[in-house]
C-alpha atoms as a PDB file:
ATOM      1  CA  MET A   1      83.184 107.046 108.871  1.00  0.00           C
ATOM      2  CA  ASP A   2      82.436 110.305 110.081  1.00  0.00           C
ATOM      3  CA  GLN A   3      84.751 113.131 111.707  1.00  0.00           C
ATOM      4  CA  GLN A   4      85.285 111.276 114.592  1.00  0.00           C
ATOM      5  CA  HIS A   5      86.344 108.475 113.385  1.00  0.00           C
ATOM      6  CA  LEU A   6      88.797 110.587 111.203  1.00  0.00           C
ATOM      7  CA  GLU A   7      89.725 112.749 113.573  1.00  0.00           C
ATOM      8  CA  VAL A   8      90.687 109.793 116.470  1.00  0.00           C
ATOM      9  CA  ALA A   9      92.776 107.913 113.893  1.00  0.00           C
ATOM     10  CA  VAL A  10      94.671 111.367 113.052  1.00  0.00           C
ATOM     11  CA  ALA A  11      95.321 111.569 116.807  1.00  0.00           C
ATOM     12  CA  ALA A  12      96.664 107.977 116.878  1.00  0.00           C
ATOM     13  CA  ALA A  13      99.131 107.621 113.721  1.00  0.00           C
ATOM     14  CA  LYS A  14     101.002 111.498 115.792  1.00  0.00           C
ATOM     15  CA  ALA A  15     100.437 109.926 118.723  1.00  0.00           C
ATOM     16  CA  GLY A  16     102.521 106.439 116.988  1.00  0.00           C
ATOM     17  CA  ALA A  17     104.868 108.631 115.049  1.00  0.00           C
ATOM     18  CA  VAL A  18     106.089 110.267 118.841  1.00  0.00           C
ATOM     19  CA  GLU A  19     107.024 107.029 119.613  1.00  0.00           C
ATOM     20  CA  LEU A  20     108.723 106.399 116.543  1.00  0.00           C
ATOM     21  CA  MET A  21     110.638 109.637 116.544  1.00  0.00           C
ATOM     22  CA  ALA A  22     112.008 109.209 119.920  1.00  0.00           C
ATOM     23  CA  ARG A  23     113.561 106.358 119.250  1.00  0.00           C
ATOM     24  CA  ARG A  24     114.733 106.879 116.283  1.00  0.00           C
ATOM     25  CA  ASP A  25     118.673 107.244 117.189  1.00  0.00           C
ATOM     26  CA  ASP A  26     118.673 104.471 119.639  1.00  0.00           C
ATOM     27  CA  ARG A  27     116.032 101.617 118.832  1.00  0.00           C
ATOM     28  CA  VAL A  28     116.569  97.914 119.413  1.00  0.00           C
ATOM     29  CA  VAL A  29     116.809  96.418 116.143  1.00  0.00           C
ATOM     30  CA  ARG A  30     116.061  92.115 116.255  1.00  0.00           C
ATOM     31  CA  GLU A  31     115.140  90.174 112.900  1.00  0.00           C
ATOM     32  CA  LYS A  32     111.186  88.259 112.982  1.00  0.00           C
ATOM     33  CA  ALA A  33     112.093  86.689 109.911  1.00  0.00           C
ATOM     34  CA  PRO A  34     115.427  86.821 107.685  1.00  0.00           C
ATOM     35  CA  LYS A  35     116.495  90.063 106.400  1.00  0.00           C
ATOM     36  CA  ASP A  36     112.595  90.815 107.978  1.00  0.00           C
ATOM     37  CA  LEU A  37     112.824  93.595 110.924  1.00  0.00           C
ATOM     38  CA  VAL A  38     110.968  94.502 113.781  1.00  0.00           C
ATOM     39  CA  THR A  39     112.273  96.905 116.556  1.00  0.00           C
ATOM     40  CA  ASP A  40     111.503  98.495 120.038  1.00  0.00           C
ATOM     41  CA  ALA A  41     109.348 101.337 117.606  1.00  0.00           C
ATOM     42  CA  ASP A  42     107.228  99.242 115.967  1.00  0.00           C
ATOM     43  CA  LEU A  43     106.239  97.919 119.260  1.00  0.00           C
ATOM     44  CA  ALA A  44     105.441 100.887 121.081  1.00  0.00           C
ATOM     45  CA  SER A  45     103.656 102.438 118.141  1.00  0.00           C
ATOM     46  CA  GLN A  46     101.168  99.999 118.077  1.00  0.00           C
ATOM     47  CA  LYS A  47     100.462  99.999 121.778  1.00  0.00           C
ATOM     48  CA  ALA A  48      99.986 104.147 121.394  1.00  0.00           C
ATOM     49  CA  VAL A  49      98.018 103.366 118.330  1.00  0.00           C
ATOM     50  CA  ARG A  50      95.920 100.423 119.839  1.00  0.00           C
ATOM     51  CA  LYS A  51      95.545 102.501 123.008  1.00  0.00           C
ATOM     52  CA  ILE A  52      93.500 105.524 121.559  1.00  0.00           C
ATOM     53  CA  LEU A  53      91.635 103.851 118.714  1.00  0.00           C
ATOM     54  CA  MET A  54      90.353 100.946 121.279  1.00  0.00           C
ATOM     55  CA  GLU A  55      89.447 103.422 123.793  1.00  0.00           C
ATOM     56  CA  ALA A  56      87.749 105.742 121.256  1.00  0.00           C
ATOM     57  CA  PHE A  57      85.571 102.556 119.909  1.00  0.00           C
ATOM     58  CA  SER A  58      86.289 100.395 122.691  1.00  0.00           C
ATOM     59  CA  GLY A  59      83.675  97.075 120.027  1.00  0.00           C
ATOM     60  CA  TYR A  60      85.585  97.429 117.136  1.00  0.00           C
ATOM     61  CA  ALA A  61      87.689  94.658 116.309  1.00  0.00           C
ATOM     62  CA  PHE A  62      91.800  95.639 115.415  1.00  0.00           C
ATOM     63  CA  VAL A  63      94.742  93.796 113.187  1.00  0.00           C
ATOM     64  CA  GLY A  64      98.089  95.678 113.680  1.00  0.00           C
ATOM     65  CA  GLU A  65     101.051  93.814 112.412  1.00  0.00           C
ATOM     66  CA  GLU A  66     102.766  93.445 115.688  1.00  0.00           C
ATOM     67  CA  ASP A  67     102.004  91.800 118.505  1.00  0.00           C
ATOM     68  CA  GLY A  68     100.344  88.630 117.027  1.00  0.00           C
ATOM     69  CA  GLU A  69      97.305  90.415 116.405  1.00  0.00           C
ATOM     70  CA  ASN A  70      97.408  89.439 112.671  1.00  0.00           C
ATOM     71  CA  GLU A  71      94.068  87.994 111.151  1.00  0.00           C
ATOM     72  CA  PRO A  72      90.604  89.959 111.845  1.00  0.00           C
ATOM     73  CA  PRO A  73      87.662  88.080 112.915  1.00  0.00           C
ATOM     74  CA  ASP A  74      86.112  85.461 110.517  1.00  0.00           C
ATOM     75  CA  ALA A  75      82.660  88.134 109.921  1.00  0.00           C
ATOM     76  CA  VAL A  76      85.597  90.917 109.676  1.00  0.00           C
ATOM     77  CA  ARG A  77      86.919  89.344 106.468  1.00  0.00           C
ATOM     78  CA  LEU A  78      83.358  87.825 105.374  1.00  0.00           C
ATOM     79  CA  GLY A  79      82.330  90.817 105.268  1.00  0.00           C
ATOM     80  CA  GLN A  80      79.500  89.444 107.746  1.00  0.00           C
ATOM     81  CA  HIS A  81      76.163  92.255 108.625  1.00  0.00           C
ATOM     82  CA  ASP A  82      76.833  91.832 112.275  1.00  0.00           C
ATOM     83  CA  ALA A  83      80.876  92.357 111.889  1.00  0.00           C
ATOM     84  CA  PRO A  84      82.139  95.183 113.929  1.00  0.00           C
ATOM     85  CA  PRO A  85      84.563  97.604 111.963  1.00  0.00           C
ATOM     86  CA  CYS A  86      88.218  97.272 112.020  1.00  0.00           C
ATOM     87  CA  TRP A  87      91.240  99.128 112.454  1.00  0.00           C
ATOM     88  CA  VAL A  88      93.757  97.877 110.377  1.00  0.00           C
ATOM     89  CA  VAL A  89      97.607  99.125 111.550  1.00  0.00           C
ATOM     90  CA  ASP A  90     100.941  99.529 110.239  1.00  0.00           C
ATOM     91  CA  PRO A  91     102.495 100.846 113.083  1.00  0.00           C
ATOM     92  CA  LEU A  92     105.746 101.346 111.117  1.00  0.00           C
ATOM     93  CA  ASP A  93     105.522 100.969 107.485  1.00  0.00           C
ATOM     94  CA  GLY A  94     108.882 100.950 106.340  1.00  0.00           C
ATOM     95  CA  THR A  95     110.841  99.837 108.985  1.00  0.00           C
ATOM     96  CA  VAL A  96     114.068  98.543 107.184  1.00  0.00           C
ATOM     97  CA  ASN A  97     114.259 102.553 105.783  1.00  0.00           C
ATOM     98  CA  TYR A  98     113.828 103.387 110.208  1.00  0.00           C
ATOM     99  CA  VAL A  99     116.584 100.957 110.917  1.00  0.00           C
ATOM    100  CA  HIS A 100     118.708 102.726 108.580  1.00  0.00           C
ATOM    101  CA  ARG A 101     117.953 106.602 109.458  1.00  0.00           C
ATOM    102  CA  LEU A 102     116.352 107.172 106.242  1.00  0.00           C
ATOM    103  CA  GLN A 103     113.112 108.714 105.155  1.00  0.00           C
ATOM    104  CA  SER A 104     109.962 107.251 103.598  1.00  0.00           C
ATOM    105  CA  PHE A 105     108.509 105.535 107.145  1.00  0.00           C
ATOM    106  CA  ALA A 106     104.795 106.716 108.169  1.00  0.00           C
ATOM    107  CA  VAL A 107     102.474 104.980 110.304  1.00  0.00           C
ATOM    108  CA  SER A 108      99.339 103.514 108.505  1.00  0.00           C
ATOM    109  CA  ILE A 109      95.808 103.795 110.051  1.00  0.00           C
ATOM    110  CA  GLY A 110      93.022 102.161 107.881  1.00  0.00           C
ATOM    111  CA  LEU A 111      88.841 101.432 108.822  1.00  0.00           C
ATOM    112  CA  TYR A 112      87.457  98.512 107.548  1.00  0.00           C
ATOM    113  CA  ALA A 113      83.774  98.074 108.072  1.00  0.00           C
ATOM    114  CA  ALA A 114      80.773  96.372 105.678  1.00  0.00           C
ATOM    115  CA  GLY A 115      82.756  94.874 103.646  1.00  0.00           C
ATOM    116  CA  LYS A 116      85.596  97.460 102.393  1.00  0.00           C
ATOM    117  CA  MET A 117      88.100  99.359 103.352  1.00  0.00           C
ATOM    118  CA  ARG A 118      86.439 102.559 104.352  1.00  0.00           C
ATOM    119  CA  LEU A 119      88.688 105.467 105.803  1.00  0.00           C
ATOM    120  CA  GLY A 120      92.506 105.861 105.840  1.00  0.00           C
ATOM    121  CA  VAL A 121      95.297 107.820 107.453  1.00  0.00           C
ATOM    122  CA  ILE A 122      99.010 107.867 106.847  1.00  0.00           C
ATOM    123  CA  TYR A 123     101.551 110.142 108.613  1.00  0.00           C
ATOM    124  CA  ASP A 124     104.972 110.571 107.786  1.00  0.00           C
ATOM    125  CA  PRO A 125     106.628 112.533 110.731  1.00  0.00           C
ATOM    126  CA  VAL A 126     109.663 112.781 108.818  1.00  0.00           C
ATOM    127  CA  CYS A 127     108.100 115.301 106.316  1.00  0.00           C
ATOM    128  CA  ASP A 128     105.193 115.474 108.331  1.00  0.00           C
ATOM    129  CA  GLU A 129     102.904 114.888 106.010  1.00  0.00           C
ATOM    130  CA  MET A 130      98.710 113.758 106.980  1.00  0.00           C
ATOM    131  CA  PHE A 131      97.450 111.708 104.158  1.00  0.00           C
ATOM    132  CA  THR A 132      93.536 111.172 104.838  1.00  0.00           C
ATOM    133  CA  ALA A 133      90.780 109.990 102.876  1.00  0.00           C
ATOM    134  CA  VAL A 134      87.913 108.715 103.727  1.00  0.00           C
ATOM    135  CA  ASP A 135      85.014 106.724 101.424  1.00  0.00           C
ATOM    136  CA  GLY A 136      82.986 108.800  99.037  1.00  0.00           C
ATOM    137  CA  GLY A 137      84.669 111.896 100.803  1.00  0.00           C
ATOM    138  CA  GLY A 138      88.205 112.459  98.418  1.00  0.00           C
ATOM    139  CA  ALA A 139      92.003 112.585  99.576  1.00  0.00           C
ATOM    140  CA  PHE A 140      93.966 114.605 101.277  1.00  0.00           C
ATOM    141  CA  VAL A 141      97.489 115.779 102.300  1.00  0.00           C
ATOM    142  CA  ASN A 142      98.227 118.440 105.092  1.00  0.00           C
ATOM    143  CA  GLY A 143      93.941 119.524 104.604  1.00  0.00           C
ATOM    144  CA  ARG A 144      94.659 120.019 100.305  1.00  0.00           C
ATOM    145  CA  SER A 145      92.927 117.960  97.955  1.00  0.00           C
ATOM    146  CA  MET A 146      94.421 115.300  96.062  1.00  0.00           C
ATOM    147  CA  HIS A 147      94.657 113.870  92.748  1.00  0.00           C
ATOM    148  CA  VAL A 148      96.214 111.446  90.740  1.00  0.00           C
ATOM    149  CA  SER A 149      98.757 112.702  87.891  1.00  0.00           C
ATOM    150  CA  GLY A 150      96.988 111.306  84.941  1.00  0.00           C
ATOM    151  CA  GLN A 151      99.714 110.184  83.093  1.00  0.00           C
ATOM    152  CA  GLN A 152      98.461 107.505  79.952  1.00  0.00           C
ATOM    153  CA  ASP A 153     101.705 106.639  78.697  1.00  0.00           C
ATOM    154  CA  LEU A 154     103.527 103.568  80.050  1.00  0.00           C
ATOM    155  CA  HIS A 155     106.756 104.793  78.439  1.00  0.00           C
ATOM    156  CA  ASP A 156     106.434 108.193  80.274  1.00  0.00           C
ATOM    157  CA  SER A 157     105.775 107.236  83.773  1.00  0.00           C
ATOM    158  CA  MET A 158     107.471 106.683  87.025  1.00  0.00           C
ATOM    159  CA  MET A 159     106.105 103.526  88.843  1.00  0.00           C
ATOM    160  CA  ALA A 160     107.471 102.055  92.204  1.00  0.00           C
ATOM    161  CA  CYS A 161     107.242  97.979  93.826  1.00  0.00           C
ATOM    162  CA  SER A 162     107.543  96.476  96.628  1.00  0.00           C
ATOM    163  CA  PHE A 163     109.805  93.361  96.975  1.00  0.00           C
ATOM    164  CA  PRO A 164     109.693  90.543  99.781  1.00  0.00           C
ATOM    165  CA  ALA A 165     112.439  90.417 102.368  1.00  0.00           C
ATOM    166  CA  GLY A 166     115.150  87.962 101.642  1.00  0.00           C
ATOM    167  CA  VAL A 167     113.812  88.511  97.757  1.00  0.00           C
ATOM    168  CA  LYS A 168     115.893  85.793  95.654  1.00  0.00           C
ATOM    169  CA  GLY A 169     116.903  86.462  92.097  1.00  0.00           C
ATOM    170  CA  ASP A 170     114.682  83.756  90.068  1.00  0.00           C
ATOM    171  CA  SER A 171     111.776  85.580  91.572  1.00  0.00           C
ATOM    172  CA  PRO A 172     108.867  86.386  89.476  1.00  0.00           C
ATOM    173  CA  ASP A 173     109.220  89.811  91.598  1.00  0.00           C
ATOM    174  CA  VAL A 174     112.558  90.694  89.607  1.00  0.00           C
ATOM    175  CA  ALA A 175     111.953  89.354  86.372  1.00  0.00           C
ATOM    176  CA  ARG A 176     108.699  91.559  86.898  1.00  0.00           C
ATOM    177  CA  PHE A 177     110.627  95.049  87.632  1.00  0.00           C
ATOM    178  CA  VAL A 178     113.272  94.067  84.520  1.00  0.00           C
ATOM    179  CA  ARG A 179     109.700  93.658  82.412  1.00  0.00           C
ATOM    180  CA  VAL A 180     108.113  97.126  83.750  1.00  0.00           C
ATOM    181  CA  LEU A 181     111.675  98.804  83.918  1.00  0.00           C
ATOM    182  CA  GLU A 182     112.333  98.627  80.067  1.00  0.00           C
ATOM    183  CA  LYS A 183     108.973 100.284  79.114  1.00  0.00           C
ATOM    184  CA  THR A 184     109.049 103.369  81.634  1.00  0.00           C
ATOM    185  CA  ARG A 185     110.668 106.678  82.279  1.00  0.00           C
ATOM    186  CA  ALA A 186     111.337 105.562  85.758  1.00  0.00           C
ATOM    187  CA  LEU A 187     111.093 103.034  88.746  1.00  0.00           C
ATOM    188  CA  ARG A 188     111.755 103.456  91.857  1.00  0.00           C
ATOM    189  CA  ARG A 189     112.107 100.574  94.830  1.00  0.00           C
ATOM    190  CA  LEU A 190     111.083 103.453  98.349  1.00  0.00           C
ATOM    191  CA  GLY A 191     110.506 100.975 101.264  1.00  0.00           C
ATOM    192  CA  SER A 192     106.764 101.972 102.150  1.00  0.00           C
ATOM    193  CA  CYS A 193     103.715 100.334 100.854  1.00  0.00           C
ATOM    194  CA  ALA A 194     102.246 103.090 102.435  1.00  0.00           C
ATOM    195  CA  LEU A 195     103.860 106.020 101.274  1.00  0.00           C
ATOM    196  CA  ASN A 196     104.102 104.380  97.491  1.00  0.00           C
ATOM    197  CA  LEU A 197     100.067 104.328  97.836  1.00  0.00           C
ATOM    198  CA  CYS A 198      99.670 108.189  99.131  1.00  0.00           C
ATOM    199  CA  TYR A 199     102.615 109.432  96.292  1.00  0.00           C
ATOM    200  CA  VAL A 200     100.304 107.791  93.312  1.00  0.00           C
ATOM    201  CA  ALA A 201      97.338 109.633  95.201  1.00  0.00           C
ATOM    202  CA  ASP A 202      99.410 112.776  95.224  1.00  0.00           C
ATOM    203  CA  GLY A 203     100.622 112.322  91.139  1.00  0.00           C
ATOM    204  CA  ARG A 204     104.343 112.146  92.313  1.00  0.00           C
ATOM    205  CA  LEU A 205     104.322 108.485  91.381  1.00  0.00           C
ATOM    206  CA  ASP A 206     102.239 107.785  88.281  1.00  0.00           C
ATOM    207  CA  GLY A 207     101.466 103.561  89.369  1.00  0.00           C
ATOM    208  CA  TYR A 208     102.543 101.148  92.151  1.00  0.00           C
ATOM    209  CA  TRP A 209     102.755  97.669  92.476  1.00  0.00           C
ATOM    210  CA  ALA A 210     103.439  94.970  95.450  1.00  0.00           C
ATOM    211  CA  THR A 211     103.070  91.062  95.353  1.00  0.00           C
ATOM    212  CA  CYS A 212     104.065  90.898  98.268  1.00  0.00           C
ATOM    213  CA  VAL A 213     102.500  92.559 101.415  1.00  0.00           C
ATOM    214  CA  HIS A 214      99.914  92.295 104.152  1.00  0.00           C
ATOM    215  CA  SER A 215      96.552  93.909 104.257  1.00  0.00           C
ATOM    216  CA  TRP A 216      97.790  96.460 107.383  1.00  0.00           C
ATOM    217  CA  ASP A 217     101.100  97.268 104.436  1.00  0.00           C
ATOM    218  CA  ALA A 218      98.091  98.916 102.148  1.00  0.00           C
ATOM    219  CA  ALA A 219      94.959  99.217 104.293  1.00  0.00           C
ATOM    220  CA  ALA A 220      94.786 102.782 104.649  1.00  0.00           C
ATOM    221  CA  GLY A 221      96.803 103.559 101.297  1.00  0.00           C
ATOM    222  CA  ILE A 222      94.079 101.548  99.101  1.00  0.00           C
ATOM    223  CA  VAL A 223      91.490 103.978 100.600  1.00  0.00           C
ATOM    224  CA  ILE A 224      94.192 107.123 100.051  1.00  0.00           C
ATOM    225  CA  ALA A 225      95.012 106.278  96.397  1.00  0.00           C
ATOM    226  CA  ARG A 226      90.854 105.246  95.708  1.00  0.00           C
ATOM    227  CA  GLU A 227      89.657 108.515  96.951  1.00  0.00           C
ATOM    228  CA  SER A 228      92.155 110.274  94.703  1.00  0.00           C
ATOM    229  CA  GLY A 229      90.916 108.787  91.703  1.00  0.00           C
ATOM    230  CA  ALA A 230      93.342 106.209  91.083  1.00  0.00           C
ATOM    231  CA  SER A 231      92.781 102.897  89.090  1.00  0.00           C
ATOM    232  CA  VAL A 232      92.920  99.890  91.398  1.00  0.00           C
ATOM    233  CA  THR A 233      92.638  96.396  90.905  1.00  0.00           C
ATOM    234  CA  ALA A 234      94.335  92.477  91.966  1.00  0.00           C
ATOM    235  CA  TYR A 235      98.471  92.759  90.141  1.00  0.00           C
ATOM    236  CA  ASP A 236      96.515  90.280  86.970  1.00  0.00           C
ATOM    237  CA  GLY A 237      93.686  93.163  86.439  1.00  0.00           C
ATOM    238  CA  SER A 238      90.756  90.876  89.165  1.00  0.00           C
ATOM    239  CA  GLU A 239      89.256  92.439  91.576  1.00  0.00           C
ATOM    240  CA  PHE A 240      91.482  93.743  94.772  1.00  0.00           C
ATOM    241  CA  ASP A 241      91.088  92.112  97.927  1.00  0.00           C
ATOM    242  CA  ASP A 242      91.747  94.261 100.953  1.00  0.00           C
ATOM    243  CA  TRP A 243      92.873  91.200 103.501  1.00  0.00           C
ATOM    244  CA  LYS A 244      95.260  89.674 100.231  1.00  0.00           C
ATOM    245  CA  PRO A 245      96.649  92.817  98.944  1.00  0.00           C
ATOM    246  CA  ARG A 246      97.972  91.613  95.493  1.00  0.00           C
ATOM    247  CA  PHE A 247      97.796  94.246  93.715  1.00  0.00           C
ATOM    248  CA  CYS A 248      98.642  97.436  90.899  1.00  0.00           C
ATOM    249  CA  VAL A 249      97.128 101.247  91.346  1.00  0.00           C
ATOM    250  CA  SER A 250      97.958 104.107  88.349  1.00  0.00           C
ATOM    251  CA  SER A 251      97.136 106.988  87.707  1.00  0.00           C
ATOM    252  CA  SER A 252      94.733 106.220  84.476  1.00  0.00           C
ATOM    253  CA  PRO A 253      92.645 103.486  83.195  1.00  0.00           C
ATOM    254  CA  GLU A 254      95.139 103.340  80.001  1.00  0.00           C
ATOM    255  CA  LEU A 255      98.157 103.123  82.301  1.00  0.00           C
ATOM    256  CA  GLN A 256      96.867 100.260  84.608  1.00  0.00           C
ATOM    257  CA  ARG A 257      95.627  98.539  80.864  1.00  0.00           C
ATOM    258  CA  SER A 258      99.117  98.290  80.681  1.00  0.00           C
ATOM    259  CA  LEU A 259     101.107  97.865  83.624  1.00  0.00           C
ATOM    260  CA  ILE A 260      98.710  94.579  84.128  1.00  0.00           C
ATOM    261  CA  GLU A 261      99.810  93.330  81.152  1.00  0.00           C
ATOM    262  CA  LEU A 262     103.647  94.043  82.479  1.00  0.00           C
ATOM    263  CA  LEU A 263     102.943  91.826  85.339  1.00  0.00           C
ATOM    264  CA  ALA A 264     100.214  89.543  84.759  1.00  0.00           C
END
């Protein structure tokens, strides 16, 4: 991925964020599933992001959380040599936080090409932090290079996790939460997959896992975490799947092994 792709994605993320901030105190909210919210801001942000991306790269595929564009073309998913690159967009990651006027929400834009997520741009408009990464080029926040904390000891670590909407008390996700909670210094549920991955990349968190998110939630953040030096696998230690992200990321291989033992 070249500089043009990065510049266009940054511009698109900023355009999406303008729509979010314009509606932050006056938004229309509905449930698209029990306890799973969507707002007019999600829709406006995706429209703004999509317009910029597709005008710049009209032959590319597009996957977004809203408007029924949830699945990539088969050729893209299978990594076929003639498949077009595919933008993967979450126009508002952290919708529940946004609805309650909390921080920790962001616009997330990933680019999948040749069988792999290759570019990630995540913009947090509240903190004015632009997280970026291109495959093989390192990870940055507002131009500053990011690196994982390097923490190896589970007991000294700060972790985060994600729960599905409407999680039940007897869910395996709750059991995993308790197991990790008992073994770590602290465990957080911040409400944004994209930002959790950025925080691991910048050493603010030592690890993060999610078994309930979608491709658009994790697409950009996985690139950013990977380029900062994070260990990235499926939560059971198998190979990570960009299109079915059931994963954990950690600041070191040692911490990753400890986390997998608790989650698998």
